[in-house]
């Protein structure tokens, strides 16, 4: 087995680990978002401005995660193309 093939397999393994870890992190974030929604439904004492701020944080976090995932996928695609052309 040549070095190029070994490196490509290592990158594929790394991508699989990243994808699984990201999926787990997303599941935790989804559960936390549901928990926050439940809390908001029961917390009548919390002002609307506070709820809006927290919802913006959750939305910004979700957007950041989606952007990060897209960036990582693009970079893994570039690395795959590099090894295919090398």
Protein backbone atom coordinates (compact mmCIF):
# COMPACT_ATOMS: atom_id res chain seq x y z
CA UNK A 1 0.00 0.00 0.00
CA UNK A 2 1.48 3.35 -0.98
CA UNK A 3 1.70 6.43 1.18
CA UNK A 4 -0.91 8.33 -0.83
CA UNK A 5 -3.51 5.62 -0.20
CA UNK A 6 -2.68 5.51 3.51
CA UNK A 7 -3.01 9.30 3.80
CA UNK A 8 -6.33 9.25 1.92
CA UNK A 9 -7.70 6.55 4.26
CA UNK A 10 -6.58 8.57 7.27
CA UNK A 11 -8.41 11.63 5.94
CA UNK A 12 -11.55 9.58 5.27
CA UNK A 13 -11.40 8.18 8.81
CA UNK A 14 -10.92 11.70 10.19
CA UNK A 15 -13.95 12.93 8.23
CA UNK A 16 -16.08 10.05 9.53
CA UNK A 17 -15.06 10.85 13.11
CA UNK A 18 -15.78 14.55 12.57
CA UNK A 19 -19.19 13.83 11.02
CA UNK A 20 -20.20 11.53 13.88
CA UNK A 21 -18.97 13.98 16.52
CA UNK A 22 -20.75 16.86 14.82
CA UNK A 23 -23.94 14.82 14.63
CA UNK A 24 -23.73 14.09 18.37
CA UNK A 25 -23.07 17.76 19.13
CA UNK A 26 -26.07 18.74 17.00
CA UNK A 27 -28.30 16.29 18.84
CA UNK A 28 -27.25 17.80 22.17
CA UNK A 29 -27.87 21.32 20.84
CA UNK A 30 -31.33 20.29 19.60
CA UNK A 31 -32.17 18.84 23.00
CA UNK A 32 -30.96 22.00 24.72
CA UNK A 33 -33.08 24.10 22.39
CA UNK A 34 -36.16 22.04 23.27
CA UNK A 35 -35.33 22.42 26.95
CA UNK A 36 -35.05 26.19 26.55
CA UNK A 37 -38.41 26.33 24.76
CA UNK A 38 -40.01 24.34 27.58
CA UNK A 39 -38.42 26.63 30.15
CA UNK A 40 -39.70 29.71 28.31
CA UNK A 41 -43.21 28.29 28.21
CA UNK A 42 -43.15 27.90 32.01
CA UNK A 43 -41.19 31.03 32.91
CA UNK A 44 -43.86 33.69 32.80
CA UNK A 45 -41.70 35.95 34.97
CA UNK A 46 -38.96 36.19 32.31
CA UNK A 47 -39.30 39.39 30.24
CA UNK A 48 -39.76 39.13 26.49
CA UNK A 49 -36.49 40.99 25.90
CA UNK A 50 -34.62 38.28 27.79
CA UNK A 51 -36.35 35.53 25.84
CA UNK A 52 -35.55 37.31 22.56
CA UNK A 53 -31.89 37.67 23.52
CA UNK A 54 -31.56 34.00 24.37
CA UNK A 55 -33.33 33.00 21.16
CA UNK A 56 -30.87 35.16 19.22
CA UNK A 57 -27.96 33.40 20.95
CA UNK A 58 -29.41 30.01 20.04
CA UNK A 59 -29.95 31.16 16.46
CA UNK A 60 -26.41 32.54 16.21
CA UNK A 61 -25.01 29.31 17.60
CA UNK A 62 -26.99 27.26 15.08
CA UNK A 63 -25.84 29.49 12.21
CA UNK A 64 -22.22 29.26 13.37
CA UNK A 65 -22.41 25.46 13.58
CA UNK A 66 -23.97 25.21 10.12
CA UNK A 67 -21.30 27.48 8.64
CA UNK A 68 -18.54 25.49 10.36
CA UNK A 69 -19.95 22.18 9.05
CA UNK A 70 -20.15 23.56 5.50
CA UNK A 71 -16.57 24.85 5.74
CA UNK A 72 -15.28 21.50 7.00
CA UNK A 73 -17.16 19.59 4.28
CA UNK A 74 -15.71 21.90 1.61
CA UNK A 75 -12.21 21.43 2.97
CA UNK A 76 -12.53 17.64 3.15
CA UNK A 77 -13.71 17.71 -0.48
CA UNK A 78 -10.63 19.75 -1.44
CA UNK A 79 -8.31 17.32 0.33
CA UNK A 80 -10.00 14.39 -1.44
CA UNK A 81 -9.52 16.10 -4.81
CA UNK A 82 -5.89 16.80 -3.93
CA UNK A 83 -5.21 13.11 -3.27
CA UNK A 84 -7.13 12.08 -6.38
CA UNK A 85 -4.99 14.39 -8.54
CA UNK A 86 -1.67 13.69 -6.82
